[in-house]
Amino acid sequence: MINLKKFLKYRDTRPEFDKIKEAGMVGLPCIVINNGEKIIFDVKEIEGINS
């Protein structure tokens, strides 16, 4: 439940989620890096970080 609450706080307050919410989507999957320093929605971008 704690992780869900953290996710909902990001989703409800961060501008990265605005277009996702407007489209009626939830915003999953996503990866939150360093307590919200960066939020990644695209798996290809995640793979680029590890390269």
N, C-alpha and C. Protein backbone atom coordinates (compact mmCIF):
# COMPACT_ATOMS: atom_id res chain seq x y z
N MET A 1 0.81 -1.18 0.00
CA MET A 1 0.00 0.00 0.00
C MET A 1 0.87 1.26 0.00
N ILE A 2 2.02 1.19 0.66
CA ILE A 2 2.91 2.36 0.70
C ILE A 2 3.37 2.74 -0.70
N ASN A 3 3.75 1.73 -1.50
CA ASN A 3 4.21 2.03 -2.87
C ASN A 3 3.10 2.63 -3.71
N LEU A 4 1.87 2.15 -3.54
CA LEU A 4 0.74 2.72 -4.28
C LEU A 4 0.54 4.18 -3.89
N LYS A 5 0.61 4.49 -2.63
CA LYS A 5 0.45 5.87 -2.16
C LYS A 5 1.54 6.77 -2.73
N LYS A 6 2.78 6.28 -2.76
CA LYS A 6 3.88 7.07 -3.34
C LYS A 6 3.62 7.33 -4.82
N PHE A 7 3.21 6.28 -5.55
CA PHE A 7 2.94 6.45 -6.97
C PHE A 7 1.82 7.46 -7.19
N LEU A 8 0.74 7.35 -6.45
CA LEU A 8 -0.39 8.26 -6.63
C LEU A 8 0.00 9.71 -6.33
N LYS A 9 0.88 9.91 -5.37
CA LYS A 9 1.34 11.27 -5.09
C LYS A 9 2.10 11.83 -6.29
N TYR A 10 2.99 11.04 -6.88
CA TYR A 10 3.69 11.49 -8.08
C TYR A 10 2.71 11.75 -9.21
N ARG A 11 1.80 10.80 -9.43
CA ARG A 11 0.86 10.92 -10.55
C ARG A 11 -0.04 12.14 -10.40
N ASP A 12 -0.43 12.44 -9.20
CA ASP A 12 -1.38 13.52 -8.99
C ASP A 12 -0.72 14.90 -8.91
N THR A 13 0.60 14.96 -8.74
CA THR A 13 1.25 16.26 -8.56
C THR A 13 2.32 16.60 -9.59
N ARG A 14 2.80 15.63 -10.34
CA ARG A 14 3.90 15.90 -11.26
C ARG A 14 3.40 16.18 -12.68
N PRO A 15 3.97 17.18 -13.35
CA PRO A 15 3.52 17.55 -14.70
C PRO A 15 3.80 16.46 -15.74
N GLU A 16 4.74 15.56 -15.47
CA GLU A 16 5.04 14.48 -16.41
C GLU A 16 3.81 13.61 -16.69
N PHE A 17 2.88 13.59 -15.74
CA PHE A 17 1.71 12.75 -15.87
C PHE A 17 0.51 13.46 -16.49
N ASP A 18 0.60 14.75 -16.76
CA ASP A 18 -0.55 15.51 -17.25
C ASP A 18 -1.14 14.93 -18.53
N LYS A 19 -0.31 14.70 -19.54
CA LYS A 19 -0.82 14.18 -20.82
C LYS A 19 -1.37 12.77 -20.66
N ILE A 20 -0.74 12.00 -19.80
CA ILE A 20 -1.20 10.64 -19.55
C ILE A 20 -2.59 10.65 -18.93
N LYS A 21 -2.78 11.51 -17.94
CA LYS A 21 -4.09 11.61 -17.29
C LYS A 21 -5.14 12.15 -18.25
N GLU A 22 -4.77 13.12 -19.09
CA GLU A 22 -5.71 13.67 -20.08
C GLU A 22 -6.19 12.60 -21.05
N ALA A 23 -5.31 11.64 -21.33
CA ALA A 23 -5.66 10.55 -22.25
C ALA A 23 -6.46 9.46 -21.54
N GLY A 24 -6.71 9.62 -20.24
CA GLY A 24 -7.48 8.64 -19.49
C GLY A 24 -6.68 7.42 -19.08
N MET A 25 -5.36 7.56 -19.12
CA MET A 25 -4.49 6.44 -18.76
C MET A 25 -4.02 6.60 -17.32
N VAL A 26 -3.41 5.55 -16.78
CA VAL A 26 -2.98 5.56 -15.38
C VAL A 26 -1.55 6.08 -15.23
N GLY A 27 -0.68 5.69 -16.14
CA GLY A 27 0.72 6.11 -16.05
C GLY A 27 1.65 4.99 -15.66
N LEU A 28 1.19 3.76 -15.82
CA LEU A 28 2.03 2.60 -15.55
C LEU A 28 2.29 1.89 -16.86
N PRO A 29 3.42 1.34 -17.07
CA PRO A 29 4.55 1.31 -16.15
C PRO A 29 5.31 2.63 -16.16
N CYS A 30 5.98 2.86 -15.07
CA CYS A 30 6.91 3.98 -14.99
C CYS A 30 7.97 3.64 -13.95
N ILE A 31 9.11 4.27 -14.10
CA ILE A 31 10.20 4.10 -13.15
C ILE A 31 10.50 5.47 -12.57
N VAL A 32 10.53 5.57 -11.26
CA VAL A 32 10.85 6.81 -10.58
C VAL A 32 12.28 6.68 -10.07
N ILE A 33 13.14 7.61 -10.50
CA ILE A 33 14.56 7.55 -10.14
C ILE A 33 14.86 8.63 -9.11
N ASN A 34 15.59 8.25 -8.09
CA ASN A 34 16.05 9.18 -7.04
C ASN A 34 14.93 10.03 -6.46
N ASN A 35 13.92 9.36 -5.95
CA ASN A 35 12.80 10.06 -5.29
C ASN A 35 12.18 11.15 -6.16
N GLY A 36 12.01 10.85 -7.44
CA GLY A 36 11.32 11.77 -8.32
C GLY A 36 12.21 12.69 -9.14
N GLU A 37 13.52 12.51 -9.04
CA GLU A 37 14.43 13.33 -9.84
C GLU A 37 14.13 13.16 -11.33
N LYS A 38 13.79 11.93 -11.71
CA LYS A 38 13.44 11.65 -13.10
C LYS A 38 12.37 10.56 -13.10
N ILE A 39 11.39 10.70 -13.99
CA ILE A 39 10.36 9.69 -14.16
C ILE A 39 10.41 9.23 -15.60
N ILE A 40 10.54 7.92 -15.80
CA ILE A 40 10.70 7.34 -17.12
C ILE A 40 9.49 6.46 -17.44
N PHE A 41 8.93 6.66 -18.63
CA PHE A 41 7.80 5.87 -19.07
C PHE A 41 8.16 4.91 -20.19
N ASP A 42 9.26 5.17 -20.89
CA ASP A 42 9.64 4.41 -22.08
C ASP A 42 10.75 3.42 -21.76
N VAL A 43 10.50 2.16 -22.00
CA VAL A 43 11.49 1.11 -21.72
C VAL A 43 12.78 1.36 -22.49
N LYS A 44 12.68 1.89 -23.71
CA LYS A 44 13.87 2.15 -24.51
C LYS A 44 14.76 3.18 -23.83
N GLU A 45 14.16 4.15 -23.15
CA GLU A 45 14.94 5.14 -22.43
C GLU A 45 15.66 4.49 -21.24
N ILE A 46 15.02 3.55 -20.60
CA ILE A 46 15.64 2.84 -19.49
C ILE A 46 16.83 2.05 -19.99
N GLU A 47 16.68 1.39 -21.12
CA GLU A 47 17.77 0.61 -21.70
C GLU A 47 18.94 1.52 -22.05
N GLY A 48 18.67 2.75 -22.49
CA GLY A 48 19.72 3.71 -22.82
C GLY A 48 20.52 4.13 -21.60
N ILE A 49 19.90 4.16 -20.45
CA ILE A 49 20.59 4.52 -19.20
C ILE A 49 21.62 3.47 -18.85
N ASN A 50 21.29 2.21 -19.11
CA ASN A 50 22.18 1.11 -18.74
C ASN A 50 23.30 0.90 -19.76
N SER A 51 23.24 1.55 -20.91
CA SER A 51 24.26 1.35 -21.95
C SER A 51 25.53 2.11 -21.66
